[in-house]
Amino acid sequence: LAGALAELRATVAKQPTNTGAWVDMGNLLQMDGRVDEAEAAYRRALEADPDQTAARFNLALLLQGKGASSAAYREYKRVLKVDPKHAWAHYQVGTLHEAAGRESAAVHSYAKAFALDPRLRFPDVNPHVIDNRYVTRATLESYRRRGALVSAPNAYQDPGRISGLLR
């Protein structure tokens, strides 16, 4: 970790507008428990490119983890302004709504996330869903949103005959 951070510091010293290096440094600093330095790295990336969604999303996660819910919400909303299909940002907005007791808004945000990326409904991708009491409602709303209401398929006695007739 120390070696990787040293390399990233050298990179940003030579290329101060290298947003990817700043984002990576923020991630490594956060892994090392240096949250304030990580926040500063994400903010440096955003100084170079305010539309850098990885930096903004990571900053929002960091702020949310620090309990700065309002600031995190603003950052997630800025991510969604640049990338309206950022499923994880929609999901995290849902967690903030849920924590604030805004049930309907939480379900709506979760549903948007699930409609954009159905994998977010599964604990191997998103362990938070294990304790999320709105997953079922949000999943149903996401299906309605995607128009994925499908009826059961017809059963065939001899599927080969039908495919032969249709050929």
N, C-alpha and C. Protein backbone atom coordinates (compact mmCIF):
# COMPACT_ATOMS: atom_id res chain seq x y z
N LEU A 1 0.83 -1.20 0.00
CA LEU A 1 0.00 0.00 0.00
C LEU A 1 0.87 1.26 0.00
N ALA A 2 1.89 1.25 0.82
CA ALA A 2 2.78 2.42 0.89
C ALA A 2 3.47 2.65 -0.45
N GLY A 3 3.91 1.57 -1.10
CA GLY A 3 4.57 1.70 -2.39
C GLY A 3 3.63 2.24 -3.46
N ALA A 4 2.39 1.73 -3.45
CA ALA A 4 1.40 2.20 -4.43
C ALA A 4 1.08 3.67 -4.21
N LEU A 5 0.96 4.06 -2.97
CA LEU A 5 0.69 5.48 -2.67
C LEU A 5 1.86 6.35 -3.11
N ALA A 6 3.08 5.87 -2.89
CA ALA A 6 4.26 6.64 -3.32
C ALA A 6 4.26 6.83 -4.84
N GLU A 7 3.91 5.77 -5.57
CA GLU A 7 3.84 5.87 -7.03
C GLU A 7 2.78 6.87 -7.47
N LEU A 8 1.62 6.83 -6.81
CA LEU A 8 0.54 7.75 -7.17
C LEU A 8 0.91 9.19 -6.84
N ARG A 9 1.59 9.38 -5.72
CA ARG A 9 2.04 10.74 -5.37
C ARG A 9 3.00 11.27 -6.44
N ALA A 10 3.90 10.41 -6.92
CA ALA A 10 4.83 10.82 -7.97
C ALA A 10 4.06 11.15 -9.26
N THR A 11 3.04 10.35 -9.57
CA THR A 11 2.24 10.59 -10.77
C THR A 11 1.54 11.93 -10.70
N VAL A 12 0.87 12.22 -9.59
CA VAL A 12 0.12 13.48 -9.50
C VAL A 12 1.05 14.68 -9.36
N ALA A 13 2.26 14.46 -8.88
CA ALA A 13 3.23 15.56 -8.84
C ALA A 13 3.60 15.97 -10.26
N LYS A 14 3.73 14.97 -11.15
CA LYS A 14 4.07 15.24 -12.55
C LYS A 14 2.84 15.65 -13.36
N GLN A 15 1.69 15.08 -13.01
CA GLN A 15 0.45 15.30 -13.76
C GLN A 15 -0.68 15.67 -12.80
N PRO A 16 -0.68 16.90 -12.33
CA PRO A 16 -1.67 17.29 -11.31
C PRO A 16 -3.12 17.24 -11.76
N THR A 17 -3.37 17.16 -13.06
CA THR A 17 -4.75 17.07 -13.54
C THR A 17 -5.14 15.63 -13.91
N ASN A 18 -4.34 14.67 -13.52
CA ASN A 18 -4.64 13.26 -13.79
C ASN A 18 -5.69 12.79 -12.79
N THR A 19 -6.95 12.93 -13.18
CA THR A 19 -8.05 12.64 -12.25
C THR A 19 -8.07 11.17 -11.83
N GLY A 20 -7.72 10.28 -12.74
CA GLY A 20 -7.70 8.85 -12.40
C GLY A 20 -6.72 8.55 -11.28
N ALA A 21 -5.56 9.19 -11.33
CA ALA A 21 -4.55 8.97 -10.28
C ALA A 21 -5.05 9.52 -8.94
N TRP A 22 -5.71 10.69 -8.97
CA TRP A 22 -6.26 11.25 -7.73
C TRP A 22 -7.34 10.33 -7.15
N VAL A 23 -8.19 9.79 -8.01
CA VAL A 23 -9.25 8.89 -7.54
C VAL A 23 -8.62 7.63 -6.93
N ASP A 24 -7.66 7.04 -7.64
CA ASP A 24 -6.99 5.85 -7.12
C ASP A 24 -6.31 6.14 -5.79
N MET A 25 -5.66 7.31 -5.69
CA MET A 25 -5.01 7.67 -4.43
C MET A 25 -6.04 7.79 -3.31
N GLY A 26 -7.17 8.42 -3.62
CA GLY A 26 -8.22 8.53 -2.60
C GLY A 26 -8.69 7.17 -2.13
N ASN A 27 -8.86 6.25 -3.07
CA ASN A 27 -9.30 4.90 -2.70
C ASN A 27 -8.28 4.21 -1.80
N LEU A 28 -6.99 4.32 -2.15
CA LEU A 28 -5.95 3.68 -1.34
C LEU A 28 -5.82 4.35 0.03
N LEU A 29 -5.91 5.66 0.05
CA LEU A 29 -5.86 6.37 1.34
C LEU A 29 -7.02 5.96 2.23
N GLN A 30 -8.18 5.78 1.63
CA GLN A 30 -9.34 5.36 2.40
C GLN A 30 -9.13 3.93 2.94
N MET A 31 -8.56 3.06 2.10
CA MET A 31 -8.26 1.70 2.56
C MET A 31 -7.30 1.72 3.73
N ASP A 32 -6.42 2.72 3.76
CA ASP A 32 -5.42 2.85 4.82
C ASP A 32 -5.97 3.58 6.03
N GLY A 33 -7.27 3.93 5.99
CA GLY A 33 -7.89 4.60 7.13
C GLY A 33 -7.62 6.09 7.19
N ARG A 34 -7.07 6.66 6.16
CA ARG A 34 -6.74 8.08 6.13
C ARG A 34 -7.85 8.83 5.38
N VAL A 35 -8.98 8.91 6.04
CA VAL A 35 -10.21 9.40 5.43
C VAL A 35 -10.10 10.86 5.01
N ASP A 36 -9.52 11.70 5.83
CA ASP A 36 -9.42 13.12 5.48
C ASP A 36 -8.53 13.32 4.25
N GLU A 37 -7.44 12.57 4.18
CA GLU A 37 -6.56 12.66 3.01
C GLU A 37 -7.27 12.11 1.77
N ALA A 38 -8.05 11.06 1.95
CA ALA A 38 -8.80 10.50 0.82
C ALA A 38 -9.80 11.53 0.30
N GLU A 39 -10.48 12.19 1.22
CA GLU A 39 -11.44 13.23 0.81
C GLU A 39 -10.73 14.32 0.02
N ALA A 40 -9.55 14.72 0.49
CA ALA A 40 -8.79 15.76 -0.21
C ALA A 40 -8.39 15.29 -1.62
N ALA A 41 -8.03 14.02 -1.76
CA ALA A 41 -7.65 13.48 -3.07
C ALA A 41 -8.85 13.50 -4.03
N TYR A 42 -10.02 13.08 -3.54
CA TYR A 42 -11.21 13.12 -4.39
C TYR A 42 -11.53 14.55 -4.81
N ARG A 43 -11.38 15.46 -3.88
CA ARG A 43 -11.66 16.87 -4.20
C ARG A 43 -10.66 17.43 -5.21
N ARG A 44 -9.40 16.99 -5.14
CA ARG A 44 -8.41 17.41 -6.13
C ARG A 44 -8.81 16.91 -7.52
N ALA A 45 -9.30 15.68 -7.60
CA ALA A 45 -9.77 15.14 -8.89
C ALA A 45 -10.92 16.00 -9.41
N LEU A 46 -11.79 16.43 -8.52
CA LEU A 46 -12.95 17.23 -8.94
C LEU A 46 -12.56 18.65 -9.32
N GLU A 47 -11.47 19.15 -8.75
CA GLU A 47 -10.97 20.46 -9.18
C GLU A 47 -10.52 20.38 -10.64
N ALA A 48 -9.89 19.26 -10.98
CA ALA A 48 -9.40 19.07 -12.35
C ALA A 48 -10.55 18.80 -13.32
N ASP A 49 -11.57 18.08 -12.85
CA ASP A 49 -12.71 17.74 -13.71
C ASP A 49 -13.96 17.58 -12.84
N PRO A 50 -14.78 18.62 -12.76
CA PRO A 50 -15.98 18.56 -11.91
C PRO A 50 -16.98 17.48 -12.31
N ASP A 51 -16.88 16.98 -13.53
CA ASP A 51 -17.79 15.92 -13.99
C ASP A 51 -17.21 14.52 -13.82
N GLN A 52 -16.14 14.40 -13.07
CA GLN A 52 -15.50 13.09 -12.85
C GLN A 52 -16.38 12.29 -11.89
N THR A 53 -17.20 11.39 -12.44
CA THR A 53 -18.20 10.71 -11.61
C THR A 53 -17.60 9.76 -10.59
N ALA A 54 -16.49 9.11 -10.91
CA ALA A 54 -15.88 8.19 -9.94
C ALA A 54 -15.44 8.96 -8.70
N ALA A 55 -14.80 10.10 -8.90
CA ALA A 55 -14.36 10.91 -7.75
C ALA A 55 -15.56 11.41 -6.96
N ARG A 56 -16.58 11.88 -7.66
CA ARG A 56 -17.75 12.43 -6.96
C ARG A 56 -18.51 11.34 -6.21
N PHE A 57 -18.65 10.16 -6.85
CA PHE A 57 -19.35 9.05 -6.19
C PHE A 57 -18.57 8.60 -4.96
N ASN A 58 -17.25 8.45 -5.10
CA ASN A 58 -16.44 8.02 -3.95
C ASN A 58 -16.47 9.05 -2.84
N LEU A 59 -16.46 10.33 -3.21
CA LEU A 59 -16.57 11.38 -2.21
C LEU A 59 -17.91 11.28 -1.49
N ALA A 60 -18.98 11.04 -2.23
CA ALA A 60 -20.30 10.90 -1.62
C ALA A 60 -20.33 9.72 -0.65
N LEU A 61 -19.76 8.58 -1.05
CA LEU A 61 -19.69 7.43 -0.15
C LEU A 61 -18.93 7.76 1.12
N LEU A 62 -17.81 8.44 0.95
CA LEU A 62 -16.98 8.82 2.10
C LEU A 62 -17.77 9.74 3.03
N LEU A 63 -18.42 10.74 2.46
CA LEU A 63 -19.21 11.67 3.27
C LEU A 63 -20.36 10.95 3.98
N GLN A 64 -21.00 10.04 3.28
CA GLN A 64 -22.08 9.27 3.88
C GLN A 64 -21.54 8.45 5.05
N GLY A 65 -20.38 7.85 4.87
CA GLY A 65 -19.76 7.07 5.94
C GLY A 65 -19.38 7.90 7.15
N LYS A 66 -19.09 9.19 6.91
CA LYS A 66 -18.75 10.11 8.00
C LYS A 66 -20.00 10.67 8.68
N GLY A 67 -21.19 10.34 8.14
CA GLY A 67 -22.43 10.84 8.73
C GLY A 67 -22.87 12.18 8.17
N ALA A 68 -22.22 12.66 7.12
CA ALA A 68 -22.59 13.93 6.49
C ALA A 68 -23.61 13.66 5.39
N SER A 69 -24.81 13.26 5.81
CA SER A 69 -25.83 12.82 4.87
C SER A 69 -26.24 13.87 3.85
N SER A 70 -26.41 15.11 4.29
CA SER A 70 -26.83 16.17 3.36
C SER A 70 -25.78 16.42 2.30
N ALA A 71 -24.52 16.45 2.70
CA ALA A 71 -23.43 16.66 1.74
C ALA A 71 -23.33 15.47 0.80
N ALA A 72 -23.49 14.27 1.33
CA ALA A 72 -23.44 13.06 0.49
C ALA A 72 -24.58 13.09 -0.53
N TYR A 73 -25.76 13.47 -0.08
CA TYR A 73 -26.93 13.54 -0.97
C TYR A 73 -26.65 14.49 -2.14
N ARG A 74 -26.10 15.67 -1.82
CA ARG A 74 -25.78 16.64 -2.87
C ARG A 74 -24.79 16.06 -3.87
N GLU A 75 -23.79 15.33 -3.38
CA GLU A 75 -22.80 14.74 -4.28
C GLU A 75 -23.42 13.64 -5.15
N TYR A 76 -24.26 12.80 -4.56
CA TYR A 76 -24.93 11.77 -5.37
C TYR A 76 -25.79 12.41 -6.46
N LYS A 77 -26.48 13.47 -6.10
CA LYS A 77 -27.33 14.15 -7.08
C LYS A 77 -26.48 14.74 -8.21
N ARG A 78 -25.30 15.21 -7.90
CA ARG A 78 -24.40 15.73 -8.94
C ARG A 78 -23.90 14.60 -9.82
N VAL A 79 -23.65 13.43 -9.24
CA VAL A 79 -23.29 12.27 -10.05
C VAL A 79 -24.41 11.97 -11.03
N LEU A 80 -25.64 11.96 -10.52
CA LEU A 80 -26.79 11.62 -11.36
C LEU A 80 -27.10 12.68 -12.41
N LYS A 81 -26.69 13.90 -12.16
CA LYS A 81 -26.87 14.94 -13.17
C LYS A 81 -25.96 14.65 -14.37
N VAL A 82 -24.75 14.20 -14.10
CA VAL A 82 -23.79 13.88 -15.16
C VAL A 82 -24.10 12.52 -15.78
N ASP A 83 -24.47 11.56 -14.92
CA ASP A 83 -24.74 10.19 -15.39
C ASP A 83 -26.05 9.69 -14.79
N PRO A 84 -27.18 10.00 -15.43
CA PRO A 84 -28.49 9.61 -14.88
C PRO A 84 -28.67 8.09 -14.76
N LYS A 85 -27.82 7.32 -15.40
CA LYS A 85 -27.95 5.86 -15.35
C LYS A 85 -26.96 5.22 -14.37
N HIS A 86 -26.45 5.98 -13.44
CA HIS A 86 -25.51 5.47 -12.43
C HIS A 86 -26.33 4.75 -11.35
N ALA A 87 -26.48 3.44 -11.53
CA ALA A 87 -27.36 2.65 -10.66
C ALA A 87 -26.96 2.73 -9.19
N TRP A 88 -25.66 2.65 -8.92
CA TRP A 88 -25.23 2.70 -7.52
C TRP A 88 -25.56 4.04 -6.87
N ALA A 89 -25.46 5.12 -7.61
CA ALA A 89 -25.81 6.43 -7.04
C ALA A 89 -27.30 6.46 -6.68
N HIS A 90 -28.15 5.93 -7.57
CA HIS A 90 -29.58 5.84 -7.24
C HIS A 90 -29.79 5.01 -5.98
N TYR A 91 -29.08 3.90 -5.90
CA TYR A 91 -29.24 3.04 -4.72
C TYR A 91 -28.83 3.78 -3.45
N GLN A 92 -27.70 4.46 -3.51
CA GLN A 92 -27.22 5.17 -2.31
C GLN A 92 -28.15 6.31 -1.93
N VAL A 93 -28.74 6.98 -2.91
CA VAL A 93 -29.75 8.00 -2.60
C VAL A 93 -30.90 7.33 -1.85
N GLY A 94 -31.26 6.13 -2.27
CA GLY A 94 -32.29 5.38 -1.56
C GLY A 94 -31.93 5.12 -0.11
N THR A 95 -30.67 4.78 0.15
CA THR A 95 -30.26 4.53 1.55
C THR A 95 -30.39 5.79 2.39
N LEU A 96 -30.08 6.93 1.78
CA LEU A 96 -30.22 8.20 2.51
C LEU A 96 -31.68 8.52 2.78
N HIS A 97 -32.54 8.29 1.79
CA HIS A 97 -33.98 8.51 2.00
C HIS A 97 -34.49 7.57 3.09
N GLU A 98 -34.07 6.31 3.03
CA GLU A 98 -34.52 5.35 4.04
C GLU A 98 -34.09 5.78 5.44
N ALA A 99 -32.83 6.19 5.58
CA ALA A 99 -32.32 6.62 6.89
C ALA A 99 -33.08 7.83 7.43
N ALA A 100 -33.58 8.66 6.51
CA ALA A 100 -34.32 9.87 6.91
C ALA A 100 -35.81 9.59 7.10
N GLY A 101 -36.23 8.33 6.90
CA GLY A 101 -37.63 7.97 7.10
C GLY A 101 -38.53 8.30 5.93
N ARG A 102 -37.94 8.57 4.77
CA ARG A 102 -38.73 8.87 3.57
C ARG A 102 -38.93 7.58 2.77
N GLU A 103 -39.87 6.77 3.22
CA GLU A 103 -40.10 5.42 2.67
C GLU A 103 -40.38 5.43 1.18
N SER A 104 -41.31 6.24 0.75
CA SER A 104 -41.70 6.27 -0.65
C SER A 104 -40.52 6.67 -1.54
N ALA A 105 -39.79 7.70 -1.13
CA ALA A 105 -38.63 8.15 -1.90
C ALA A 105 -37.55 7.08 -1.93
N ALA A 106 -37.37 6.37 -0.82
CA ALA A 106 -36.38 5.29 -0.78
C ALA A 106 -36.74 4.19 -1.76
N VAL A 107 -37.99 3.75 -1.73
CA VAL A 107 -38.44 2.69 -2.64
C VAL A 107 -38.26 3.14 -4.08
N HIS A 108 -38.60 4.38 -4.37
CA HIS A 108 -38.49 4.90 -5.73
C HIS A 108 -37.02 4.91 -6.19
N SER A 109 -36.11 5.34 -5.33
CA SER A 109 -34.68 5.36 -5.69
C SER A 109 -34.14 3.95 -5.87
N TYR A 110 -34.51 3.04 -4.96
CA TYR A 110 -34.07 1.65 -5.11
C TYR A 110 -34.60 1.05 -6.42
N ALA A 111 -35.85 1.35 -6.73
CA ALA A 111 -36.45 0.82 -7.97
C ALA A 111 -35.70 1.32 -9.20
N LYS A 112 -35.32 2.60 -9.20
CA LYS A 112 -34.54 3.13 -10.31
C LYS A 112 -33.23 2.35 -10.43
N ALA A 113 -32.58 2.14 -9.30
CA ALA A 113 -31.31 1.41 -9.31
C ALA A 113 -31.49 0.00 -9.86
N PHE A 114 -32.53 -0.70 -9.40
CA PHE A 114 -32.77 -2.07 -9.84
C PHE A 114 -33.17 -2.14 -11.31
N ALA A 115 -33.91 -1.13 -11.78
CA ALA A 115 -34.28 -1.11 -13.19
C ALA A 115 -33.05 -0.91 -14.08
N LEU A 116 -32.11 -0.11 -13.60
CA LEU A 116 -30.88 0.14 -14.36
C LEU A 116 -29.90 -1.02 -14.29
N ASP A 117 -29.83 -1.66 -13.12
CA ASP A 117 -28.90 -2.78 -12.95
C ASP A 117 -29.55 -3.80 -12.01
N PRO A 118 -30.26 -4.78 -12.58
CA PRO A 118 -30.97 -5.77 -11.77
C PRO A 118 -30.06 -6.57 -10.82
N ARG A 119 -28.76 -6.60 -11.12
CA ARG A 119 -27.84 -7.34 -10.24
C ARG A 119 -27.76 -6.73 -8.84
N LEU A 120 -28.12 -5.46 -8.70
CA LEU A 120 -28.05 -4.80 -7.39
C LEU A 120 -29.05 -5.39 -6.40
N ARG A 121 -29.96 -6.23 -6.87
CA ARG A 121 -30.94 -6.87 -5.98
C ARG A 121 -30.36 -8.09 -5.28
N PHE A 122 -29.15 -8.50 -5.64
CA PHE A 122 -28.61 -9.75 -5.13
C PHE A 122 -27.46 -9.50 -4.16
N PRO A 123 -27.45 -10.23 -3.04
CA PRO A 123 -26.46 -9.98 -2.00
C PRO A 123 -25.01 -10.24 -2.40
N ASP A 124 -24.78 -11.08 -3.43
CA ASP A 124 -23.39 -11.29 -3.83
C ASP A 124 -22.82 -10.05 -4.51
N VAL A 125 -23.67 -9.19 -5.05
CA VAL A 125 -23.25 -7.93 -5.66
C VAL A 125 -23.43 -6.78 -4.67
N ASN A 126 -24.52 -6.81 -3.93
CA ASN A 126 -24.90 -5.71 -3.03
C ASN A 126 -25.36 -6.29 -1.69
N PRO A 127 -24.43 -6.56 -0.79
CA PRO A 127 -24.79 -7.18 0.50
C PRO A 127 -25.81 -6.38 1.32
N HIS A 128 -25.93 -5.09 1.06
CA HIS A 128 -26.88 -4.26 1.80
C HIS A 128 -28.31 -4.75 1.65
N VAL A 129 -28.63 -5.41 0.54
CA VAL A 129 -30.01 -5.82 0.32
C VAL A 129 -30.49 -6.85 1.33
N ILE A 130 -29.57 -7.52 2.00
CA ILE A 130 -29.95 -8.52 3.01
C ILE A 130 -30.79 -7.86 4.10
N ASP A 131 -30.42 -6.65 4.49
CA ASP A 131 -31.13 -5.94 5.56
C ASP A 131 -32.08 -4.87 5.04
N ASN A 132 -32.23 -4.77 3.72
CA ASN A 132 -33.07 -3.73 3.14
C ASN A 132 -34.52 -4.20 3.12
N ARG A 133 -35.34 -3.54 3.91
CA ARG A 133 -36.74 -3.96 4.03
C ARG A 133 -37.60 -3.55 2.84
N TYR A 134 -37.04 -2.77 1.91
CA TYR A 134 -37.82 -2.29 0.77
C TYR A 134 -37.47 -3.00 -0.54
N VAL A 135 -36.63 -4.01 -0.49
CA VAL A 135 -36.18 -4.67 -1.72
C VAL A 135 -37.34 -5.23 -2.53
N THR A 136 -38.27 -5.90 -1.88
CA THR A 136 -39.38 -6.51 -2.62
C THR A 136 -40.21 -5.45 -3.31
N ARG A 137 -40.60 -4.41 -2.58
CA ARG A 137 -41.40 -3.34 -3.19
C ARG A 137 -40.65 -2.65 -4.32
N ALA A 138 -39.36 -2.39 -4.10
CA ALA A 138 -38.56 -1.72 -5.12
C ALA A 138 -38.37 -2.62 -6.34
N THR A 139 -38.21 -3.91 -6.11
CA THR A 139 -38.07 -4.85 -7.24
C THR A 139 -39.34 -4.85 -8.08
N LEU A 140 -40.49 -4.92 -7.43
CA LEU A 140 -41.75 -4.90 -8.17
C LEU A 140 -41.91 -3.59 -8.95
N GLU A 141 -41.56 -2.48 -8.31
CA GLU A 141 -41.66 -1.19 -9.01
C GLU A 141 -40.67 -1.15 -10.18
N SER A 142 -39.50 -1.73 -10.01
CA SER A 142 -38.52 -1.71 -11.11
C SER A 142 -39.01 -2.54 -12.29
N TYR A 143 -39.68 -3.64 -12.02
CA TYR A 143 -40.24 -4.45 -13.11
C TYR A 143 -41.31 -3.66 -13.87
N ARG A 144 -42.14 -2.96 -13.12
CA ARG A 144 -43.17 -2.14 -13.77
C ARG A 144 -42.51 -1.04 -14.61
N ARG A 145 -41.48 -0.45 -14.07
CA ARG A 145 -40.76 0.63 -14.76
C ARG A 145 -40.13 0.14 -16.06
N ARG A 146 -39.58 -1.07 -16.04
CA ARG A 146 -38.93 -1.62 -17.24
C ARG A 146 -39.92 -2.27 -18.19
N GLY A 147 -41.17 -2.42 -17.75
CA GLY A 147 -42.15 -3.09 -18.59
C GLY A 147 -41.84 -4.56 -18.73
N ALA A 148 -41.28 -5.13 -17.69
CA ALA A 148 -40.84 -6.52 -17.76
C ALA A 148 -41.89 -7.49 -17.22
N LEU A 149 -43.14 -7.10 -17.24
CA LEU A 149 -44.18 -7.99 -16.76
C LEU A 149 -44.47 -9.01 -17.85
N VAL A 150 -44.03 -10.22 -17.64
CA VAL A 150 -44.13 -11.27 -18.65
C VAL A 150 -45.05 -12.37 -18.12
N SER A 151 -45.87 -12.89 -19.00
CA SER A 151 -46.73 -13.99 -18.59
C SER A 151 -45.94 -15.30 -18.71
N ALA A 152 -46.47 -16.34 -18.09
CA ALA A 152 -45.81 -17.65 -18.16
C ALA A 152 -45.78 -18.12 -19.60
N PRO A 153 -44.72 -18.83 -19.98
CA PRO A 153 -44.64 -19.31 -21.36
C PRO A 153 -45.62 -20.46 -21.60
N ASN A 154 -46.05 -20.60 -22.84
CA ASN A 154 -46.90 -21.74 -23.21
C ASN A 154 -46.10 -23.03 -23.07
N ALA A 155 -46.81 -24.09 -22.71
CA ALA A 155 -46.18 -25.41 -22.65
C ALA A 155 -46.49 -26.12 -23.97
N TYR A 156 -45.55 -26.87 -24.46
CA TYR A 156 -45.72 -27.60 -25.72
C TYR A 156 -45.50 -29.08 -25.47
N GLN A 157 -46.33 -29.90 -26.05
CA GLN A 157 -46.18 -31.34 -25.94
C GLN A 157 -44.93 -31.81 -26.70
N ASP A 158 -44.73 -31.23 -27.89
CA ASP A 158 -43.59 -31.60 -28.73
C ASP A 158 -42.99 -30.33 -29.33
N PRO A 159 -42.07 -29.68 -28.59
CA PRO A 159 -41.49 -28.42 -29.08
C PRO A 159 -40.80 -28.59 -30.44
N GLY A 160 -40.23 -29.74 -30.73
CA GLY A 160 -39.56 -29.98 -32.00
C GLY A 160 -40.52 -29.90 -33.17
N ARG A 161 -41.73 -30.40 -32.98
CA ARG A 161 -42.72 -30.34 -34.05
C ARG A 161 -43.06 -28.89 -34.38
N ILE A 162 -43.26 -28.09 -33.36
CA ILE A 162 -43.61 -26.69 -33.56
C ILE A 162 -42.46 -25.97 -34.28
N SER A 163 -41.23 -26.18 -33.82
CA SER A 163 -40.12 -25.48 -34.49
C SER A 163 -39.98 -25.94 -35.93
N GLY A 164 -40.25 -27.22 -36.20
CA GLY A 164 -40.20 -27.72 -37.57
C GLY A 164 -41.27 -27.10 -38.44
N LEU A 165 -42.46 -26.93 -37.87
CA LEU A 165 -43.55 -26.32 -38.63
C LEU A 165 -43.27 -24.84 -38.93
N LEU A 166 -42.62 -24.18 -37.98
CA LEU A 166 -42.36 -22.75 -38.13
C LEU A 166 -41.19 -22.48 -39.10
N ARG A 167 -40.31 -23.46 -39.25
CA ARG A 167 -39.20 -23.29 -40.19
C ARG A 167 -39.73 -23.35 -41.58
